[in-house]
Every structure is written in structure tokens, then in C-alpha cells.
Amino acid sequence: MAQEMTLEELSLLAVQAGLKLTRDELRRILPGVHRSRIQVAELRDLMTDHLEPAGVFLAQKGQPR
């Protein structure tokens, strides 16, 4: 599960992204950021790197079907 981000970490990320957010704005968006990080972690758990993508390519000479 995703570790909860602190207000200070979010503030640093906002500055790096060029955002000028007040401490109150950061406090209000922090719960949504945490929910998003949990969702991304859940999706990453579902991904399997060892499986080939589902798709088939048949290169055959002759008439198209």
C-alpha cells in the first residue's frame, strides 16, 4: 500500500512542478493525493510484467481474408 504523503513532501512536489499553493490549499488536496497514490499502487499490483501482450500478427503471402 502507498505510504501516506506528508504536507511537507506535497509542498516540495508542488514547488518542483511550479505550482504556487498556499499551506491551506495543500492541506485540502492532501487527502485526494493520498487516495490517488493508493489507486496507483493497486493498479501496479495488477500489472504482470511476465506476460506477453495479447495480440497476433500473421504475415502470409497470398490473398487477404
PDB file of N, CA and C in Angstrom:
ATOM      1  N   MET A   1       0.845  -1.179   0.000  1.00  0.00           N
ATOM      2  CA  MET A   1       0.000   0.000   0.000  1.00  0.00           C
ATOM      3  C   MET A   1       0.892   1.243   0.000  1.00  0.00           C
ATOM      4  N   ALA A   2       0.386   2.307  -0.586  1.00  0.00           N
ATOM      5  CA  ALA A   2       1.152   3.550  -0.677  1.00  0.00           C
ATOM      6  C   ALA A   2       1.295   4.202   0.698  1.00  0.00           C
ATOM      7  N   GLN A   3       2.505   4.664   0.958  1.00  0.00           N
ATOM      8  CA  GLN A   3       2.752   5.352   2.213  1.00  0.00           C
ATOM      9  C   GLN A   3       2.129   6.740   2.138  1.00  0.00           C
ATOM     10  N   GLU A   4       1.532   7.175   3.226  1.00  0.00           N
ATOM     11  CA  GLU A   4       0.859   8.470   3.231  1.00  0.00           C
ATOM     12  C   GLU A   4       1.887   9.600   3.104  1.00  0.00           C
ATOM     13  N   MET A   5       1.605  10.527   2.212  1.00  0.00           N
ATOM     14  CA  MET A   5       2.491  11.652   1.960  1.00  0.00           C
ATOM     15  C   MET A   5       2.259  12.734   3.013  1.00  0.00           C
ATOM     16  N   THR A   6       3.341  13.358   3.450  1.00  0.00           N
ATOM     17  CA  THR A   6       3.222  14.434   4.426  1.00  0.00           C
ATOM     18  C   THR A   6       2.947  15.751   3.700  1.00  0.00           C
ATOM     19  N   LEU A   7       2.501  16.713   4.446  1.00  0.00           N
ATOM     20  CA  LEU A   7       2.246  18.043   3.893  1.00  0.00           C
ATOM     21  C   LEU A   7       3.539  18.654   3.358  1.00  0.00           C
ATOM     22  N   GLU A   8       4.645  18.412   4.030  1.00  0.00           N
ATOM     23  CA  GLU A   8       5.931  18.954   3.591  1.00  0.00           C
ATOM     24  C   GLU A   8       6.365  18.332   2.262  1.00  0.00           C
ATOM     25  N   GLU A   9       6.156  17.011   2.116  1.00  0.00           N
ATOM     26  CA  GLU A   9       6.502  16.340   0.856  1.00  0.00           C
ATOM     27  C   GLU A   9       5.644  16.866  -0.293  1.00  0.00           C
ATOM     28  N   LEU A  10       4.363  17.043  -0.039  1.00  0.00           N
ATOM     29  CA  LEU A  10       3.470  17.579  -1.057  1.00  0.00           C
ATOM     30  C   LEU A  10       3.871  18.996  -1.434  1.00  0.00           C
ATOM     31  N   SER A  11       4.267  19.777  -0.460  1.00  0.00           N
ATOM     32  CA  SER A  11       4.711  21.145  -0.712  1.00  0.00           C
ATOM     33  C   SER A  11       5.932  21.157  -1.623  1.00  0.00           C
ATOM     34  N   LEU A  12       6.896  20.270  -1.356  1.00  0.00           N
ATOM     35  CA  LEU A  12       8.089  20.183  -2.201  1.00  0.00           C
ATOM     36  C   LEU A  12       7.742  19.775  -3.627  1.00  0.00           C
ATOM     37  N   LEU A  13       6.842  18.813  -3.768  1.00  0.00           N
ATOM     38  CA  LEU A  13       6.417  18.391  -5.107  1.00  0.00           C
ATOM     39  C   LEU A  13       5.719  19.522  -5.855  1.00  0.00           C
ATOM     40  N   ALA A  14       4.906  20.287  -5.146  1.00  0.00           N
ATOM     41  CA  ALA A  14       4.209  21.412  -5.769  1.00  0.00           C
ATOM     42  C   ALA A  14       5.210  22.450  -6.267  1.00  0.00           C
ATOM     43  N   VAL A  15       6.214  22.743  -5.466  1.00  0.00           N
ATOM     44  CA  VAL A  15       7.241  23.712  -5.871  1.00  0.00           C
ATOM     45  C   VAL A  15       7.997  23.198  -7.094  1.00  0.00           C
ATOM     46  N   GLN A  16       8.359  21.913  -7.094  1.00  0.00           N
ATOM     47  CA  GLN A  16       9.062  21.325  -8.232  1.00  0.00           C
ATOM     48  C   GLN A  16       8.227  21.390  -9.505  1.00  0.00           C
ATOM     49  N   ALA A  17       6.915  21.300  -9.356  1.00  0.00           N
ATOM     50  CA  ALA A  17       6.009  21.360 -10.504  1.00  0.00           C
ATOM     51  C   ALA A  17       5.701  22.798 -10.919  1.00  0.00           C
ATOM     52  N   GLY A  18       6.231  23.758 -10.167  1.00  0.00           N
ATOM     53  CA  GLY A  18       5.997  25.161 -10.495  1.00  0.00           C
ATOM     54  C   GLY A  18       4.664  25.688 -10.011  1.00  0.00           C
ATOM     55  N   LEU A  19       4.063  25.006  -9.039  1.00  0.00           N
ATOM     56  CA  LEU A  19       2.767  25.427  -8.509  1.00  0.00           C
ATOM     57  C   LEU A  19       2.975  26.304  -7.280  1.00  0.00           C
ATOM     58  N   LYS A  20       2.185  27.336  -7.180  1.00  0.00           N
ATOM     59  CA  LYS A  20       2.239  28.215  -6.016  1.00  0.00           C
ATOM     60  C   LYS A  20       0.958  28.011  -5.219  1.00  0.00           C
ATOM     61  N   LEU A  21       1.013  27.076  -4.277  1.00  0.00           N
ATOM     62  CA  LEU A  21      -0.155  26.737  -3.480  1.00  0.00           C
ATOM     63  C   LEU A  21       0.086  27.155  -2.034  1.00  0.00           C
ATOM     64  N   THR A  22      -0.962  27.655  -1.422  1.00  0.00           N
ATOM     65  CA  THR A  22      -0.852  28.024  -0.007  1.00  0.00           C
ATOM     66  C   THR A  22      -0.876  26.757   0.839  1.00  0.00           C
ATOM     67  N   ARG A  23      -0.494  26.897   2.085  1.00  0.00           N
ATOM     68  CA  ARG A  23      -0.498  25.748   3.006  1.00  0.00           C
ATOM     69  C   ARG A  23      -1.925  25.214   3.167  1.00  0.00           C
ATOM     70  N   ASP A  24      -2.904  26.112   3.185  1.00  0.00           N
ATOM     71  CA  ASP A  24      -4.306  25.684   3.305  1.00  0.00           C
ATOM     72  C   ASP A  24      -4.730  24.893   2.065  1.00  0.00           C
ATOM     73  N   GLU A  25      -4.331  25.337   0.870  1.00  0.00           N
ATOM     74  CA  GLU A  25      -4.663  24.616  -0.358  1.00  0.00           C
ATOM     75  C   GLU A  25      -4.017  23.234  -0.357  1.00  0.00           C
ATOM     76  N   LEU A  26      -2.776  23.175   0.076  1.00  0.00           N
ATOM     77  CA  LEU A  26      -2.092  21.883   0.147  1.00  0.00           C
ATOM     78  C   LEU A  26      -2.797  20.948   1.126  1.00  0.00           C
ATOM     79  N   ARG A  27      -3.215  21.489   2.249  1.00  0.00           N
ATOM     80  CA  ARG A  27      -3.922  20.687   3.262  1.00  0.00           C
ATOM     81  C   ARG A  27      -5.232  20.129   2.697  1.00  0.00           C
ATOM     82  N   ARG A  28      -5.908  20.932   1.858  1.00  0.00           N
ATOM     83  CA  ARG A  28      -7.195  20.481   1.296  1.00  0.00           C
ATOM     84  C   ARG A  28      -7.021  19.411   0.229  1.00  0.00           C
ATOM     85  N   ILE A  29      -5.918  19.449  -0.532  1.00  0.00           N
ATOM     86  CA  ILE A  29      -5.759  18.454  -1.604  1.00  0.00           C
ATOM     87  C   ILE A  29      -5.022  17.195  -1.145  1.00  0.00           C
ATOM     88  N   LEU A  30      -4.417  17.243   0.017  1.00  0.00           N
ATOM     89  CA  LEU A  30      -3.642  16.104   0.509  1.00  0.00           C
ATOM     90  C   LEU A  30      -4.450  14.798   0.580  1.00  0.00           C
ATOM     91  N   PRO A  31      -5.699  14.791   1.069  1.00  0.00           N
ATOM     92  CA  PRO A  31      -6.460  13.523   1.083  1.00  0.00           C
ATOM     93  C   PRO A  31      -6.676  12.947  -0.319  1.00  0.00           C
ATOM     94  N   GLY A  32      -6.924  13.800  -1.305  1.00  0.00           N
ATOM     95  CA  GLY A  32      -7.104  13.326  -2.678  1.00  0.00           C
ATOM     96  C   GLY A  32      -5.820  12.765  -3.255  1.00  0.00           C
ATOM     97  N   VAL A  33      -4.700  13.384  -2.927  1.00  0.00           N
ATOM     98  CA  VAL A  33      -3.396  12.885  -3.372  1.00  0.00           C
ATOM     99  C   VAL A  33      -3.152  11.499  -2.768  1.00  0.00           C
ATOM    100  N   HIS A  34      -3.484  11.348  -1.515  1.00  0.00           N
ATOM    101  CA  HIS A  34      -3.292  10.049  -0.855  1.00  0.00           C
ATOM    102  C   HIS A  34      -4.164   8.973  -1.508  1.00  0.00           C
ATOM    103  N   ARG A  35      -5.442   9.299  -1.778  1.00  0.00           N
ATOM    104  CA  ARG A  35      -6.334   8.331  -2.442  1.00  0.00           C
ATOM    105  C   ARG A  35      -5.785   7.943  -3.812  1.00  0.00           C
ATOM    106  N   SER A  36      -5.280   8.922  -4.548  1.00  0.00           N
ATOM    107  CA  SER A  36      -4.731   8.649  -5.885  1.00  0.00           C
ATOM    108  C   SER A  36      -3.513   7.745  -5.808  1.00  0.00           C
ATOM    109  N   ARG A  37      -2.665   7.969  -4.817  1.00  0.00           N
ATOM    110  CA  ARG A  37      -1.475   7.129  -4.657  1.00  0.00           C
ATOM    111  C   ARG A  37      -1.860   5.693  -4.325  1.00  0.00           C
ATOM    112  N   ILE A  38      -2.908   5.503  -3.533  1.00  0.00           N
ATOM    113  CA  ILE A  38      -3.393   4.155  -3.216  1.00  0.00           C
ATOM    114  C   ILE A  38      -3.911   3.478  -4.480  1.00  0.00           C
ATOM    115  N   GLN A  39      -4.672   4.213  -5.290  1.00  0.00           N
ATOM    116  CA  GLN A  39      -5.213   3.645  -6.524  1.00  0.00           C
ATOM    117  C   GLN A  39      -4.106   3.249  -7.494  1.00  0.00           C
ATOM    118  N   VAL A  40      -3.087   4.076  -7.614  1.00  0.00           N
ATOM    119  CA  VAL A  40      -1.961   3.755  -8.499  1.00  0.00           C
ATOM    120  C   VAL A  40      -1.241   2.507  -7.995  1.00  0.00           C
ATOM    121  N   ALA A  41      -1.046   2.400  -6.695  1.00  0.00           N
ATOM    122  CA  ALA A  41      -0.393   1.219  -6.124  1.00  0.00           C
ATOM    123  C   ALA A  41      -1.219  -0.042  -6.398  1.00  0.00           C
ATOM    124  N   GLU A  42      -2.545   0.061  -6.297  1.00  0.00           N
ATOM    125  CA  GLU A  42      -3.409  -1.090  -6.576  1.00  0.00           C
ATOM    126  C   GLU A  42      -3.312  -1.495  -8.039  1.00  0.00           C
ATOM    127  N   LEU A  43      -3.278  -0.529  -8.943  1.00  0.00           N
ATOM    128  CA  LEU A  43      -3.154  -0.840 -10.372  1.00  0.00           C
ATOM    129  C   LEU A  43      -1.810  -1.478 -10.684  1.00  0.00           C
ATOM    130  N   ARG A  44      -0.761  -0.983 -10.055  1.00  0.00           N
ATOM    131  CA  ARG A  44       0.566  -1.573 -10.282  1.00  0.00           C
ATOM    132  C   ARG A  44       0.614  -3.014  -9.803  1.00  0.00           C
ATOM    133  N   ASP A  45      -0.089  -3.320  -8.730  1.00  0.00           N
ATOM    134  CA  ASP A  45      -0.137  -4.696  -8.238  1.00  0.00           C
ATOM    135  C   ASP A  45      -0.816  -5.624  -9.243  1.00  0.00           C
ATOM    136  N   LEU A  46      -1.741  -5.090 -10.024  1.00  0.00           N
ATOM    137  CA  LEU A  46      -2.455  -5.902 -11.009  1.00  0.00           C
ATOM    138  C   LEU A  46      -1.637  -6.164 -12.267  1.00  0.00           C
ATOM    139  N   MET A  47      -0.655  -5.315 -12.537  1.00  0.00           N
ATOM    140  CA  MET A  47       0.158  -5.467 -13.743  1.00  0.00           C
ATOM    141  C   MET A  47       1.088  -6.669 -13.587  1.00  0.00           C
ATOM    142  N   THR A  48       1.201  -7.416 -14.655  1.00  0.00           N
ATOM    143  CA  THR A  48       2.109  -8.561 -14.652  1.00  0.00           C
ATOM    144  C   THR A  48       3.105  -8.369 -15.783  1.00  0.00           C
ATOM    145  N   ASP A  49       4.352  -8.214 -15.435  1.00  0.00           N
ATOM    146  CA  ASP A  49       5.394  -7.975 -16.428  1.00  0.00           C
ATOM    147  C   ASP A  49       5.810  -9.240 -17.169  1.00  0.00           C
ATOM    148  N   HIS A  50       5.491 -10.386 -16.630  1.00  0.00           N
ATOM    149  CA  HIS A  50       5.961 -11.625 -17.236  1.00  0.00           C
ATOM    150  C   HIS A  50       5.058 -12.131 -18.362  1.00  0.00           C
ATOM    151  N   LEU A  51       3.936 -11.490 -18.610  1.00  0.00           N
ATOM    152  CA  LEU A  51       3.023 -11.931 -19.657  1.00  0.00           C
ATOM    153  C   LEU A  51       3.225 -11.129 -20.937  1.00  0.00           C
ATOM    154  N   GLU A  52       3.137 -11.815 -22.052  1.00  0.00           N
ATOM    155  CA  GLU A  52       3.215 -11.153 -23.351  1.00  0.00           C
ATOM    156  C   GLU A  52       1.910 -10.407 -23.611  1.00  0.00           C
ATOM    157  N   PRO A  53       1.976  -9.312 -24.369  1.00  0.00           N
ATOM    158  CA  PRO A  53       0.728  -8.626 -24.713  1.00  0.00           C
ATOM    159  C   PRO A  53      -0.152  -9.521 -25.589  1.00  0.00           C
ATOM    160  N   ALA A  54      -1.451  -9.381 -25.429  1.00  0.00           N
ATOM    161  CA  ALA A  54      -2.387 -10.184 -26.215  1.00  0.00           C
ATOM    162  C   ALA A  54      -2.485  -9.589 -27.612  1.00  0.00           C
ATOM    163  N   GLY A  55      -1.954 -10.274 -28.581  1.00  0.00           N
ATOM    164  CA  GLY A  55      -2.020  -9.816 -29.960  1.00  0.00           C
ATOM    165  C   GLY A  55      -1.336 -10.827 -30.859  1.00  0.00           C
ATOM    166  N   VAL A  56      -1.810 -10.921 -32.092  1.00  0.00           N
ATOM    167  CA  VAL A  56      -1.256 -11.881 -33.029  1.00  0.00           C
ATOM    168  C   VAL A  56      -1.027 -11.175 -34.353  1.00  0.00           C
ATOM    169  N   PHE A  57       0.116 -11.448 -34.979  1.00  0.00           N
ATOM    170  CA  PHE A  57       0.412 -10.933 -36.312  1.00  0.00           C
ATOM    171  C   PHE A  57       0.771 -12.109 -37.197  1.00  0.00           C
ATOM    172  N   LEU A  58       0.017 -12.287 -38.253  1.00  0.00           N
ATOM    173  CA  LEU A  58       0.276 -13.380 -39.186  1.00  0.00           C
ATOM    174  C   LEU A  58       0.715 -12.777 -40.514  1.00  0.00           C
ATOM    175  N   ALA A  59       1.965 -12.977 -40.862  1.00  0.00           N
ATOM    176  CA  ALA A  59       2.485 -12.495 -42.148  1.00  0.00           C
ATOM    177  C   ALA A  59       2.417 -13.649 -43.132  1.00  0.00           C
ATOM    178  N   GLN A  60       1.447 -13.594 -44.049  1.00  0.00           N
ATOM    179  CA  GLN A  60       1.277 -14.669 -45.025  1.00  0.00           C
ATOM    180  C   GLN A  60       1.221 -14.077 -46.416  1.00  0.00           C
ATOM    181  N   LYS A  61       1.781 -14.796 -47.347  1.00  0.00           N
ATOM    182  CA  LYS A  61       1.648 -14.393 -48.743  1.00  0.00           C
ATOM    183  C   LYS A  61       0.312 -14.905 -49.264  1.00  0.00           C
ATOM    184  N   GLY A  62      -0.217 -14.186 -50.210  1.00  0.00           N
ATOM    185  CA  GLY A  62      -1.463 -14.657 -50.786  1.00  0.00           C
ATOM    186  C   GLY A  62      -2.566 -13.638 -50.633  1.00  0.00           C
ATOM    187  N   GLN A  63      -3.765 -14.071 -50.849  1.00  0.00           N
ATOM    188  CA  GLN A  63      -4.930 -13.213 -50.807  1.00  0.00           C
ATOM    189  C   GLN A  63      -5.308 -12.876 -49.361  1.00  0.00           C
ATOM    190  N   PRO A  64      -5.687 -11.605 -49.131  1.00  0.00           N
ATOM    191  CA  PRO A  64      -6.180 -11.256 -47.800  1.00  0.00           C
ATOM    192  C   PRO A  64      -7.507 -11.945 -47.536  1.00  0.00           C
ATOM    193  N   ARG A  65      -7.782 -12.219 -46.322  1.00  0.00           N
ATOM    194  CA  ARG A  65      -9.034 -12.898 -45.946  1.00  0.00           C
ATOM    195  C   ARG A  65     -10.191 -11.947 -45.947  1.00  0.00           C
TER     196      ARG A  65
END
